[in-house]
Amino acid sequence: MMKSKVLHIYRCLLLASSLFLLLLSVVPGAMSVLAFYASLIVLLLSIMTIQGNVYWCFKLVSITVGLGMLLVNDYLRLFAGLPSESLLGKLVMYSGFVTIVLFGIKRVLSMRINSA
């Protein structure tokens, strides 16, 4: 019982961290890149919270990080981003996000199969 409450608090803290890092993504310059890398770490930590059919934390954190990456982040956003940044650098960061999300989806599917 106590373990599930601690895990629930941990999941909520991960979600709050991803929302806080979303705010830091607006800051121009190196801060937006650091916020993106920290968001990837939070996304990796949210994968560890997947248990059985409980994966809301991973789902919400991945949506928050994805929206932050594509729409908010000063360095990575799809429109009106920094013109001096290379497309290759952006693609490497996009592929890191996609790889982590695919790993999380694989874990969700395997946990759902194991719990059935």
PDB file of N, CA and C in Angstrom:
ATOM      1  N   MET A   1       0.829  -1.189   0.000  1.00  0.00           N
ATOM      2  CA  MET A   1       0.000   0.000   0.000  1.00  0.00           C
ATOM      3  C   MET A   1       0.877   1.258   0.000  1.00  0.00           C
ATOM      4  N   MET A   2       1.867   1.294   0.864  1.00  0.00           N
ATOM      5  CA  MET A   2       2.746   2.450   0.948  1.00  0.00           C
ATOM      6  C   MET A   2       3.579   2.610  -0.323  1.00  0.00           C
ATOM      7  N   LYS A   3       3.992   1.465  -0.904  1.00  0.00           N
ATOM      8  CA  LYS A   3       4.792   1.507  -2.125  1.00  0.00           C
ATOM      9  C   LYS A   3       4.000   2.122  -3.272  1.00  0.00           C
ATOM     10  N   SER A   4       2.719   1.813  -3.367  1.00  0.00           N
ATOM     11  CA  SER A   4       1.910   2.364  -4.449  1.00  0.00           C
ATOM     12  C   SER A   4       1.704   3.865  -4.282  1.00  0.00           C
ATOM     13  N   LYS A   5       1.599   4.347  -3.041  1.00  0.00           N
ATOM     14  CA  LYS A   5       1.455   5.784  -2.816  1.00  0.00           C
ATOM     15  C   LYS A   5       2.739   6.527  -3.180  1.00  0.00           C
ATOM     16  N   VAL A   6       3.870   5.938  -2.816  1.00  0.00           N
ATOM     17  CA  VAL A   6       5.156   6.554  -3.158  1.00  0.00           C
ATOM     18  C   VAL A   6       5.333   6.577  -4.668  1.00  0.00           C
ATOM     19  N   LEU A   7       4.961   5.501  -5.340  1.00  0.00           N
ATOM     20  CA  LEU A   7       5.065   5.441  -6.791  1.00  0.00           C
ATOM     21  C   LEU A   7       4.148   6.471  -7.448  1.00  0.00           C
ATOM     22  N   HIS A   8       2.962   6.656  -6.897  1.00  0.00           N
ATOM     23  CA  HIS A   8       2.040   7.657  -7.431  1.00  0.00           C
ATOM     24  C   HIS A   8       2.625   9.066  -7.272  1.00  0.00           C
ATOM     25  N   ILE A   9       3.213   9.347  -6.128  1.00  0.00           N
ATOM     26  CA  ILE A   9       3.845  10.653  -5.905  1.00  0.00           C
ATOM     27  C   ILE A   9       5.007  10.830  -6.865  1.00  0.00           C
ATOM     28  N   TYR A  10       5.796   9.786  -7.076  1.00  0.00           N
ATOM     29  CA  TYR A  10       6.928   9.830  -8.007  1.00  0.00           C
ATOM     30  C   TYR A  10       6.442  10.129  -9.420  1.00  0.00           C
ATOM     31  N   ARG A  11       5.355   9.488  -9.830  1.00  0.00           N
ATOM     32  CA  ARG A  11       4.793   9.742 -11.157  1.00  0.00           C
ATOM     33  C   ARG A  11       4.335  11.185 -11.287  1.00  0.00           C
ATOM     34  N   CYS A  12       3.691  11.703 -10.268  1.00  0.00           N
ATOM     35  CA  CYS A  12       3.239  13.096 -10.301  1.00  0.00           C
ATOM     36  C   CYS A  12       4.414  14.063 -10.351  1.00  0.00           C
ATOM     37  N   LEU A  13       5.489  13.748  -9.639  1.00  0.00           N
ATOM     38  CA  LEU A  13       6.682  14.597  -9.672  1.00  0.00           C
ATOM     39  C   LEU A  13       7.338  14.577 -11.057  1.00  0.00           C
ATOM     40  N   LEU A  14       7.335  13.431 -11.705  1.00  0.00           N
ATOM     41  CA  LEU A  14       7.879  13.362 -13.070  1.00  0.00           C
ATOM     42  C   LEU A  14       7.057  14.222 -14.024  1.00  0.00           C
ATOM     43  N   LEU A  15       5.741  14.162 -13.891  1.00  0.00           N
ATOM     44  CA  LEU A  15       4.881  14.972 -14.742  1.00  0.00           C
ATOM     45  C   LEU A  15       5.099  16.457 -14.467  1.00  0.00           C
ATOM     46  N   ALA A  16       5.211  16.829 -13.191  1.00  0.00           N
ATOM     47  CA  ALA A  16       5.461  18.225 -12.839  1.00  0.00           C
ATOM     48  C   ALA A  16       6.821  18.684 -13.368  1.00  0.00           C
ATOM     49  N   SER A  17       7.804  17.803 -13.320  1.00  0.00           N
ATOM     50  CA  SER A  17       9.130  18.140 -13.849  1.00  0.00           C
ATOM     51  C   SER A  17       9.078  18.384 -15.350  1.00  0.00           C
ATOM     52  N   SER A  18       8.330  17.554 -16.059  1.00  0.00           N
ATOM     53  CA  SER A  18       8.238  17.750 -17.514  1.00  0.00           C
ATOM     54  C   SER A  18       7.533  19.063 -17.843  1.00  0.00           C
ATOM     55  N   LEU A  19       6.545  19.439 -17.046  1.00  0.00           N
ATOM     56  CA  LEU A  19       5.863  20.719 -17.273  1.00  0.00           C
ATOM     57  C   LEU A  19       6.785  21.891 -16.952  1.00  0.00           C
ATOM     58  N   PHE A  20       7.582  21.775 -15.892  1.00  0.00           N
ATOM     59  CA  PHE A  20       8.545  22.825 -15.551  1.00  0.00           C
ATOM     60  C   PHE A  20       9.595  22.969 -16.648  1.00  0.00           C
ATOM     61  N   LEU A  21      10.068  21.846 -17.161  1.00  0.00           N
ATOM     62  CA  LEU A  21      11.063  21.901 -18.230  1.00  0.00           C
ATOM     63  C   LEU A  21      10.470  22.454 -19.522  1.00  0.00           C
ATOM     64  N   LEU A  22       9.170  22.310 -19.684  1.00  0.00           N
ATOM     65  CA  LEU A  22       8.496  22.916 -20.830  1.00  0.00           C
ATOM     66  C   LEU A  22       8.605  24.439 -20.752  1.00  0.00           C
ATOM     67  N   LEU A  23       8.479  24.980 -19.548  1.00  0.00           N
ATOM     68  CA  LEU A  23       8.632  26.422 -19.369  1.00  0.00           C
ATOM     69  C   LEU A  23      10.065  26.874 -19.665  1.00  0.00           C
ATOM     70  N   LEU A  24      11.036  26.075 -19.263  1.00  0.00           N
ATOM     71  CA  LEU A  24      12.429  26.423 -19.527  1.00  0.00           C
ATOM     72  C   LEU A  24      12.788  26.338 -21.002  1.00  0.00           C
ATOM     73  N   SER A  25      12.004  25.604 -21.770  1.00  0.00           N
ATOM     74  CA  SER A  25      12.278  25.462 -23.199  1.00  0.00           C
ATOM     75  C   SER A  25      12.052  26.745 -23.972  1.00  0.00           C
ATOM     76  N   VAL A  26      11.324  27.678 -23.397  1.00  0.00           N
ATOM     77  CA  VAL A  26      11.030  28.931 -24.071  1.00  0.00           C
ATOM     78  C   VAL A  26      12.242  29.863 -24.040  1.00  0.00           C
ATOM     79  N   VAL A  27      13.090  29.708 -23.034  1.00  0.00           N
ATOM     80  CA  VAL A  27      14.252  30.577 -22.869  1.00  0.00           C
ATOM     81  C   VAL A  27      15.197  30.370 -24.054  1.00  0.00           C
ATOM     82  N   PRO A  28      15.580  31.444 -24.740  1.00  0.00           N
ATOM     83  CA  PRO A  28      16.451  31.279 -25.909  1.00  0.00           C
ATOM     84  C   PRO A  28      17.882  30.898 -25.525  1.00  0.00           C
ATOM     85  N   GLY A  29      18.533  30.257 -26.462  1.00  0.00           N
ATOM     86  CA  GLY A  29      19.941  29.918 -26.270  1.00  0.00           C
ATOM     87  C   GLY A  29      20.136  28.518 -25.730  1.00  0.00           C
ATOM     88  N   ALA A  30      21.200  28.368 -24.971  1.00  0.00           N
ATOM     89  CA  ALA A  30      21.596  27.050 -24.479  1.00  0.00           C
ATOM     90  C   ALA A  30      20.595  26.473 -23.478  1.00  0.00           C
ATOM     91  N   MET A  31      19.849  27.320 -22.796  1.00  0.00           N
ATOM     92  CA  MET A  31      18.901  26.824 -21.800  1.00  0.00           C
ATOM     93  C   MET A  31      17.839  25.928 -22.439  1.00  0.00           C
ATOM     94  N   SER A  32      17.418  26.253 -23.644  1.00  0.00           N
ATOM     95  CA  SER A  32      16.394  25.425 -24.290  1.00  0.00           C
ATOM     96  C   SER A  32      16.944  24.050 -24.650  1.00  0.00           C
ATOM     97  N   VAL A  33      18.200  23.978 -25.028  1.00  0.00           N
ATOM     98  CA  VAL A  33      18.816  22.685 -25.348  1.00  0.00           C
ATOM     99  C   VAL A  33      18.989  21.859 -24.069  1.00  0.00           C
ATOM    100  N   LEU A  34      19.447  22.506 -22.997  1.00  0.00           N
ATOM    101  CA  LEU A  34      19.582  21.798 -21.713  1.00  0.00           C
ATOM    102  C   LEU A  34      18.234  21.327 -21.200  1.00  0.00           C
ATOM    103  N   ALA A  35      17.199  22.138 -21.382  1.00  0.00           N
ATOM    104  CA  ALA A  35      15.856  21.725 -20.969  1.00  0.00           C
ATOM    105  C   ALA A  35      15.387  20.520 -21.767  1.00  0.00           C
ATOM    106  N   PHE A  36      15.735  20.474 -23.051  1.00  0.00           N
ATOM    107  CA  PHE A  36      15.352  19.323 -23.863  1.00  0.00           C
ATOM    108  C   PHE A  36      16.046  18.056 -23.381  1.00  0.00           C
ATOM    109  N   TYR A  37      17.350  18.141 -23.114  1.00  0.00           N
ATOM    110  CA  TYR A  37      18.072  16.962 -22.619  1.00  0.00           C
ATOM    111  C   TYR A  37      17.532  16.513 -21.262  1.00  0.00           C
ATOM    112  N   ALA A  38      17.220  17.464 -20.391  1.00  0.00           N
ATOM    113  CA  ALA A  38      16.632  17.103 -19.094  1.00  0.00           C
ATOM    114  C   ALA A  38      15.250  16.476 -19.290  1.00  0.00           C
ATOM    115  N   SER A  39      14.507  16.949 -20.286  1.00  0.00           N
ATOM    116  CA  SER A  39      13.195  16.359 -20.583  1.00  0.00           C
ATOM    117  C   SER A  39      13.339  14.920 -21.052  1.00  0.00           C
ATOM    118  N   LEU A  40      14.387  14.636 -21.818  1.00  0.00           N
ATOM    119  CA  LEU A  40      14.624  13.251 -22.237  1.00  0.00           C
ATOM    120  C   LEU A  40      14.941  12.359 -21.034  1.00  0.00           C
ATOM    121  N   ILE A  41      15.655  12.878 -20.069  1.00  0.00           N
ATOM    122  CA  ILE A  41      15.945  12.108 -18.849  1.00  0.00           C
ATOM    123  C   ILE A  41      14.657  11.834 -18.088  1.00  0.00           C
ATOM    124  N   VAL A  42      13.790  12.844 -17.976  1.00  0.00           N
ATOM    125  CA  VAL A  42      12.493  12.643 -17.309  1.00  0.00           C
ATOM    126  C   VAL A  42      11.665  11.618 -18.071  1.00  0.00           C
ATOM    127  N   LEU A  43      11.723  11.657 -19.390  1.00  0.00           N
ATOM    128  CA  LEU A  43      10.996  10.679 -20.210  1.00  0.00           C
ATOM    129  C   LEU A  43      11.521   9.267 -19.959  1.00  0.00           C
ATOM    130  N   LEU A  44      12.834   9.117 -19.874  1.00  0.00           N
ATOM    131  CA  LEU A  44      13.412   7.803 -19.563  1.00  0.00           C
ATOM    132  C   LEU A  44      12.976   7.322 -18.174  1.00  0.00           C
ATOM    133  N   LEU A  45      12.947   8.223 -17.211  1.00  0.00           N
ATOM    134  CA  LEU A  45      12.514   7.841 -15.859  1.00  0.00           C
ATOM    135  C   LEU A  45      11.039   7.455 -15.839  1.00  0.00           C
ATOM    136  N   SER A  46      10.236   8.098 -16.695  1.00  0.00           N
ATOM    137  CA  SER A  46       8.810   7.751 -16.724  1.00  0.00           C
ATOM    138  C   SER A  46       8.586   6.355 -17.303  1.00  0.00           C
ATOM    139  N   ILE A  47       9.504   5.880 -18.136  1.00  0.00           N
ATOM    140  CA  ILE A  47       9.383   4.521 -18.668  1.00  0.00           C
ATOM    141  C   ILE A  47       9.479   3.506 -17.537  1.00  0.00           C
ATOM    142  N   MET A  48      10.286   3.812 -16.541  1.00  0.00           N
ATOM    143  CA  MET A  48      10.454   2.882 -15.412  1.00  0.00           C
ATOM    144  C   MET A  48       9.206   2.792 -14.537  1.00  0.00           C
ATOM    145  N   THR A  49       8.260   3.726 -14.681  1.00  0.00           N
ATOM    146  CA  THR A  49       7.047   3.687 -13.862  1.00  0.00           C
ATOM    147  C   THR A  49       5.943   2.846 -14.485  1.00  0.00           C
ATOM    148  N   ILE A  50       6.167   2.330 -15.684  1.00  0.00           N
ATOM    149  CA  ILE A  50       5.140   1.523 -16.358  1.00  0.00           C
ATOM    150  C   ILE A  50       4.997   0.191 -15.631  1.00  0.00           C
ATOM    151  N   GLN A  51       3.777  -0.091 -15.183  1.00  0.00           N
ATOM    152  CA  GLN A  51       3.486  -1.356 -14.511  1.00  0.00           C
ATOM    153  C   GLN A  51       2.104  -1.826 -14.944  1.00  0.00           C
ATOM    154  N   GLY A  52       2.051  -2.974 -15.543  1.00  0.00           N
ATOM    155  CA  GLY A  52       0.767  -3.533 -15.962  1.00  0.00           C
ATOM    156  C   GLY A  52       0.037  -2.600 -16.904  1.00  0.00           C
ATOM    157  N   ASN A  53      -1.180  -2.220 -16.524  1.00  0.00           N
ATOM    158  CA  ASN A  53      -1.977  -1.312 -17.338  1.00  0.00           C
ATOM    159  C   ASN A  53      -1.862   0.135 -16.877  1.00  0.00           C
ATOM    160  N   VAL A  54      -0.916   0.432 -15.991  1.00  0.00           N
ATOM    161  CA  VAL A  54      -0.730   1.791 -15.487  1.00  0.00           C
ATOM    162  C   VAL A  54       0.435   2.433 -16.230  1.00  0.00           C
ATOM    163  N   TYR A  55       0.108   3.250 -17.207  1.00  0.00           N
ATOM    164  CA  TYR A  55       1.146   3.917 -17.982  1.00  0.00           C
ATOM    165  C   TYR A  55       0.777   5.364 -18.275  1.00  0.00           C
ATOM    166  N   TRP A  56      -0.083   5.956 -17.472  1.00  0.00           N
ATOM    167  CA  TRP A  56      -0.514   7.332 -17.697  1.00  0.00           C
ATOM    168  C   TRP A  56       0.645   8.313 -17.576  1.00  0.00           C
ATOM    169  N   CYS A  57       1.574   8.039 -16.689  1.00  0.00           N
ATOM    170  CA  CYS A  57       2.706   8.945 -16.503  1.00  0.00           C
ATOM    171  C   CYS A  57       3.560   9.001 -17.765  1.00  0.00           C
ATOM    172  N   PHE A  58       3.882   7.848 -18.325  1.00  0.00           N
ATOM    173  CA  PHE A  58       4.673   7.816 -19.551  1.00  0.00           C
ATOM    174  C   PHE A  58       3.943   8.523 -20.678  1.00  0.00           C
ATOM    175  N   LYS A  59       2.651   8.284 -20.789  1.00  0.00           N
ATOM    176  CA  LYS A  59       1.876   8.875 -21.863  1.00  0.00           C
ATOM    177  C   LYS A  59       1.855  10.403 -21.758  1.00  0.00           C
ATOM    178  N   LEU A  60       1.594  10.928 -20.566  1.00  0.00           N
ATOM    179  CA  LEU A  60       1.528  12.376 -20.395  1.00  0.00           C
ATOM    180  C   LEU A  60       2.898  13.044 -20.529  1.00  0.00           C
ATOM    181  N   VAL A  61       3.927  12.404 -19.995  1.00  0.00           N
ATOM    182  CA  VAL A  61       5.270  12.974 -20.108  1.00  0.00           C
ATOM    183  C   VAL A  61       5.729  12.970 -21.570  1.00  0.00           C
ATOM    184  N   SER A  62       5.446  11.899 -22.300  1.00  0.00           N
ATOM    185  CA  SER A  62       5.870  11.862 -23.706  1.00  0.00           C
ATOM    186  C   SER A  62       5.108  12.894 -24.532  1.00  0.00           C
ATOM    187  N   ILE A  63       3.841  13.126 -24.236  1.00  0.00           N
ATOM    188  CA  ILE A  63       3.081  14.164 -24.940  1.00  0.00           C
ATOM    189  C   ILE A  63       3.648  15.543 -24.611  1.00  0.00           C
ATOM    190  N   THR A  64       3.940  15.775 -23.338  1.00  0.00           N
ATOM    191  CA  THR A  64       4.491  17.065 -22.931  1.00  0.00           C
ATOM    192  C   THR A  64       5.846  17.329 -23.572  1.00  0.00           C
ATOM    193  N   VAL A  65       6.722  16.335 -23.550  1.00  0.00           N
ATOM    194  CA  VAL A  65       8.052  16.501 -24.148  1.00  0.00           C
ATOM    195  C   VAL A  65       7.935  16.664 -25.663  1.00  0.00           C
ATOM    196  N   GLY A  66       7.062  15.897 -26.297  1.00  0.00           N
ATOM    197  CA  GLY A  66       6.890  16.005 -27.742  1.00  0.00           C
ATOM    198  C   GLY A  66       6.356  17.361 -28.170  1.00  0.00           C
ATOM    199  N   LEU A  67       5.340  17.852 -27.468  1.00  0.00           N
ATOM    200  CA  LEU A  67       4.804  19.173 -27.797  1.00  0.00           C
ATOM    201  C   LEU A  67       5.834  20.265 -27.523  1.00  0.00           C
ATOM    202  N   GLY A  68       6.559  20.097 -26.435  1.00  0.00           N
ATOM    203  CA  GLY A  68       7.606  21.069 -26.134  1.00  0.00           C
ATOM    204  C   GLY A  68       8.685  21.085 -27.193  1.00  0.00           C
ATOM    205  N   MET A  69       9.029  19.917 -27.678  1.00  0.00           N
ATOM    206  CA  MET A  69      10.077  19.806 -28.694  1.00  0.00           C
ATOM    207  C   MET A  69       9.614  20.413 -30.019  1.00  0.00           C
ATOM    208  N   LEU A  70       8.407  20.111 -30.439  1.00  0.00           N
ATOM    209  CA  LEU A  70       7.941  20.522 -31.761  1.00  0.00           C
ATOM    210  C   LEU A  70       7.387  21.944 -31.814  1.00  0.00           C
ATOM    211  N   LEU A  71       6.831  22.436 -30.700  1.00  0.00           N
ATOM    212  CA  LEU A  71       6.145  23.721 -30.742  1.00  0.00           C
ATOM    213  C   LEU A  71       6.767  24.809 -29.872  1.00  0.00           C
ATOM    214  N   VAL A  72       7.399  24.452 -28.758  1.00  0.00           N
ATOM    215  CA  VAL A  72       7.820  25.446 -27.781  1.00  0.00           C
ATOM    216  C   VAL A  72       9.321  25.686 -27.775  1.00  0.00           C
ATOM    217  N   ASN A  73      10.103  24.640 -27.861  1.00  0.00           N
ATOM    218  CA  ASN A  73      11.547  24.743 -27.684  1.00  0.00           C
ATOM    219  C   ASN A  73      12.162  25.703 -28.697  1.00  0.00           C
ATOM    220  N   ASP A  74      12.910  26.661 -28.183  1.00  0.00           N
ATOM    221  CA  ASP A  74      13.494  27.703 -29.017  1.00  0.00           C
ATOM    222  C   ASP A  74      14.456  27.141 -30.054  1.00  0.00           C
ATOM    223  N   TYR A  75      15.121  26.066 -29.746  1.00  0.00           N
ATOM    224  CA  TYR A  75      16.108  25.473 -30.640  1.00  0.00           C
ATOM    225  C   TYR A  75      15.488  24.483 -31.627  1.00  0.00           C
ATOM    226  N   LEU A  76      14.499  23.706 -31.171  1.00  0.00           N
ATOM    227  CA  LEU A  76      14.007  22.573 -31.957  1.00  0.00           C
ATOM    228  C   LEU A  76      12.654  22.761 -32.636  1.00  0.00           C
ATOM    229  N   ARG A  77      11.945  23.806 -32.331  1.00  0.00           N
ATOM    230  CA  ARG A  77      10.581  23.914 -32.869  1.00  0.00           C
ATOM    231  C   ARG A  77      10.571  23.900 -34.394  1.00  0.00           C
ATOM    232  N   LEU A  78       9.465  23.444 -34.925  1.00  0.00           N
ATOM    233  CA  LEU A  78       9.350  23.262 -36.374  1.00  0.00           C
ATOM    234  C   LEU A  78       9.254  24.583 -37.138  1.00  0.00           C
ATOM    235  N   PHE A  79       8.632  25.579 -36.525  1.00  0.00           N
ATOM    236  CA  PHE A  79       8.462  26.853 -37.212  1.00  0.00           C
ATOM    237  C   PHE A  79       9.120  27.970 -36.399  1.00  0.00           C
ATOM    238  N   ALA A  80       9.677  28.924 -37.071  1.00  0.00           N
ATOM    239  CA  ALA A  80      10.302  30.101 -36.455  1.00  0.00           C
ATOM    240  C   ALA A  80      11.388  29.729 -35.452  1.00  0.00           C
ATOM    241  N   GLY A  81      12.119  28.667 -35.739  1.00  0.00           N
ATOM    242  CA  GLY A  81      13.237  28.292 -34.884  1.00  0.00           C
ATOM    243  C   GLY A  81      14.451  29.157 -35.200  1.00  0.00           C
ATOM    244  N   LEU A  82      15.526  28.897 -34.525  1.00  0.00           N
ATOM    245  CA  LEU A  82      16.748  29.647 -34.784  1.00  0.00           C
ATOM    246  C   LEU A  82      17.290  29.271 -36.162  1.00  0.00           C
ATOM    247  N   PRO A  83      17.530  30.245 -37.030  1.00  0.00           N
ATOM    248  CA  PRO A  83      17.980  29.923 -38.393  1.00  0.00           C
ATOM    249  C   PRO A  83      19.417  29.406 -38.454  1.00  0.00           C
ATOM    250  N   SER A  84      20.197  29.662 -37.441  1.00  0.00           N
ATOM    251  CA  SER A  84      21.607  29.258 -37.487  1.00  0.00           C
ATOM    252  C   SER A  84      21.821  27.785 -37.151  1.00  0.00           C
ATOM    253  N   GLU A  85      20.804  27.120 -36.718  1.00  0.00           N
ATOM    254  CA  GLU A  85      20.959  25.721 -36.307  1.00  0.00           C
ATOM    255  C   GLU A  85      20.817  24.797 -37.510  1.00  0.00           C
ATOM    256  N   SER A  86      21.620  23.745 -37.515  1.00  0.00           N
ATOM    257  CA  SER A  86      21.621  22.823 -38.656  1.00  0.00           C
ATOM    258  C   SER A  86      20.470  21.838 -38.566  1.00  0.00           C
ATOM    259  N   LEU A  87      20.030  21.426 -39.703  1.00  0.00           N
ATOM    260  CA  LEU A  87      18.955  20.442 -39.776  1.00  0.00           C
ATOM    261  C   LEU A  87      19.430  19.095 -39.221  1.00  0.00           C
ATOM    262  N   LEU A  88      20.685  18.764 -39.448  1.00  0.00           N
ATOM    263  CA  LEU A  88      21.221  17.505 -38.943  1.00  0.00           C
ATOM    264  C   LEU A  88      21.203  17.454 -37.423  1.00  0.00           C
ATOM    265  N   GLY A  89      21.570  18.556 -36.781  1.00  0.00           N
ATOM    266  CA  GLY A  89      21.536  18.607 -35.325  1.00  0.00           C
ATOM    267  C   GLY A  89      20.126  18.415 -34.784  1.00  0.00           C
ATOM    268  N   LYS A  90      19.162  19.042 -35.447  1.00  0.00           N
ATOM    269  CA  LYS A  90      17.766  18.890 -35.034  1.00  0.00           C
ATOM    270  C   LYS A  90      17.295  17.457 -35.248  1.00  0.00           C
ATOM    271  N   LEU A  91      17.658  16.851 -36.378  1.00  0.00           N
ATOM    272  CA  LEU A  91      17.232  15.477 -36.659  1.00  0.00           C
ATOM    273  C   LEU A  91      17.807  14.488 -35.652  1.00  0.00           C
ATOM    274  N   VAL A  92      19.028  14.722 -35.205  1.00  0.00           N
ATOM    275  CA  VAL A  92      19.627  13.845 -34.187  1.00  0.00           C
ATOM    276  C   VAL A  92      18.813  13.924 -32.898  1.00  0.00           C
ATOM    277  N   MET A  93      18.422  15.119 -32.502  1.00  0.00           N
ATOM    278  CA  MET A  93      17.625  15.264 -31.273  1.00  0.00           C
ATOM    279  C   MET A  93      16.230  14.688 -31.446  1.00  0.00           C
ATOM    280  N   TYR A  94      15.613  14.903 -32.611  1.00  0.00           N
ATOM    281  CA  TYR A  94      14.303  14.298 -32.878  1.00  0.00           C
ATOM    282  C   TYR A  94      14.387  12.774 -32.814  1.00  0.00           C
ATOM    283  N   SER A  95      15.447  12.216 -33.393  1.00  0.00           N
ATOM    284  CA  SER A  95      15.566  10.757 -33.404  1.00  0.00           C
ATOM    285  C   SER A  95      15.798  10.204 -32.003  1.00  0.00           C
ATOM    286  N   GLY A  96      16.485  10.951 -31.147  1.00  0.00           N
ATOM    287  CA  GLY A  96      16.637  10.519 -29.757  1.00  0.00           C
ATOM    288  C   GLY A  96      15.295  10.443 -29.055  1.00  0.00           C
ATOM    289  N   PHE A  97      14.451  11.441 -29.272  1.00  0.00           N
ATOM    290  CA  PHE A  97      13.111  11.438 -28.683  1.00  0.00           C
ATOM    291  C   PHE A  97      12.282  10.272 -29.209  1.00  0.00           C
ATOM    292  N   VAL A  98      12.300  10.084 -30.521  1.00  0.00           N
ATOM    293  CA  VAL A  98      11.509   9.001 -31.132  1.00  0.00           C
ATOM    294  C   VAL A  98      11.982   7.640 -30.630  1.00  0.00           C
ATOM    295  N   THR A  99      13.278   7.448 -30.488  1.00  0.00           N
ATOM    296  CA  THR A  99      13.820   6.181 -29.996  1.00  0.00           C
ATOM    297  C   THR A  99      13.345   5.893 -28.578  1.00  0.00           C
ATOM    298  N   ILE A 100      13.391   6.905 -27.722  1.00  0.00           N
ATOM    299  CA  ILE A 100      12.946   6.707 -26.334  1.00  0.00           C
ATOM    300  C   ILE A 100      11.455   6.408 -26.279  1.00  0.00           C
ATOM    301  N   VAL A 101      10.662   7.124 -27.075  1.00  0.00           N
ATOM    302  CA  VAL A 101       9.208   6.881 -27.082  1.00  0.00           C
ATOM    303  C   VAL A 101       8.900   5.483 -27.605  1.00  0.00           C
ATOM    304  N   LEU A 102       9.582   5.051 -28.646  1.00  0.00           N
ATOM    305  CA  LEU A 102       9.349   3.693 -29.164  1.00  0.00           C
ATOM    306  C   LEU A 102       9.738   2.631 -28.143  1.00  0.00           C
ATOM    307  N   PHE A 103      10.817   2.863 -27.414  1.00  0.00           N
ATOM    308  CA  PHE A 103      11.196   1.937 -26.346  1.00  0.00           C
ATOM    309  C   PHE A 103      10.113   1.890 -25.267  1.00  0.00           C
ATOM    310  N   GLY A 104       9.548   3.051 -24.929  1.00  0.00           N
ATOM    311  CA  GLY A 104       8.470   3.090 -23.940  1.00  0.00           C
ATOM    312  C   GLY A 104       7.214   2.387 -24.419  1.00  0.00           C
ATOM    313  N   ILE A 105       6.876   2.574 -25.688  1.00  0.00           N
ATOM    314  CA  ILE A 105       5.695   1.890 -26.249  1.00  0.00           C
ATOM    315  C   ILE A 105       5.907   0.385 -26.239  1.00  0.00           C
ATOM    316  N   LYS A 106       7.115  -0.048 -26.556  1.00  0.00           N
ATOM    317  CA  LYS A 106       7.421  -1.479 -26.514  1.00  0.00           C
ATOM    318  C   LYS A 106       7.252  -2.023 -25.103  1.00  0.00           C
ATOM    319  N   ARG A 107       7.684  -1.250 -24.117  1.00  0.00           N
ATOM    320  CA  ARG A 107       7.531  -1.690 -22.722  1.00  0.00           C
ATOM    321  C   ARG A 107       6.058  -1.722 -22.304  1.00  0.00           C
ATOM    322  N   VAL A 108       5.280  -0.738 -22.746  1.00  0.00           N
ATOM    323  CA  VAL A 108       3.848  -0.735 -22.441  1.00  0.00           C
ATOM    324  C   VAL A 108       3.189  -1.979 -23.018  1.00  0.00           C
ATOM    325  N   LEU A 109       3.492  -2.281 -24.274  1.00  0.00           N
ATOM    326  CA  LEU A 109       2.881  -3.452 -24.917  1.00  0.00           C
ATOM    327  C   LEU A 109       3.289  -4.755 -24.238  1.00  0.00           C
ATOM    328  N   SER A 110       4.551  -4.860 -23.857  1.00  0.00           N
ATOM    329  CA  SER A 110       5.003  -6.091 -23.197  1.00  0.00           C
ATOM    330  C   SER A 110       4.390  -6.220 -21.807  1.00  0.00           C
ATOM    331  N   MET A 111       4.218  -5.111 -21.095  1.00  0.00           N
ATOM    332  CA  MET A 111       3.582  -5.160 -19.776  1.00  0.00           C
ATOM    333  C   MET A 111       2.099  -5.516 -19.895  1.00  0.00           C
ATOM    334  N   ARG A 112       1.446  -5.022 -20.930  1.00  0.00           N
ATOM    335  CA  ARG A 112       0.028  -5.345 -21.125  1.00  0.00           C
ATOM    336  C   ARG A 112      -0.146  -6.814 -21.460  1.00  0.00           C
ATOM    337  N   ILE A 113       0.781  -7.378 -22.239  1.00  0.00           N
ATOM    338  CA  ILE A 113       0.712  -8.791 -22.574  1.00  0.00           C
ATOM    339  C   ILE A 113       0.974  -9.646 -21.329  1.00  0.00           C
ATOM    340  N   ASN A 114       1.963  -9.251 -20.526  1.00  0.00           N
ATOM    341  CA  ASN A 114       2.294 -10.008 -19.322  1.00  0.00           C
ATOM    342  C   ASN A 114       1.194  -9.947 -18.270  1.00  0.00           C
ATOM    343  N   SER A 115       0.463  -8.830 -18.199  1.00  0.00           N
ATOM    344  CA  SER A 115      -0.579  -8.709 -17.182  1.00  0.00           C
ATOM    345  C   SER A 115      -1.879  -9.361 -17.596  1.00  0.00           C
ATOM    346  N   ALA A 116      -2.019  -9.700 -18.872  1.00  0.00           N
ATOM    347  CA  ALA A 116      -3.260 -10.312 -19.358  1.00  0.00           C
ATOM    348  C   ALA A 116      -3.304 -11.799 -19.076  1.00  0.00           C
TER     349      ALA A 116
END
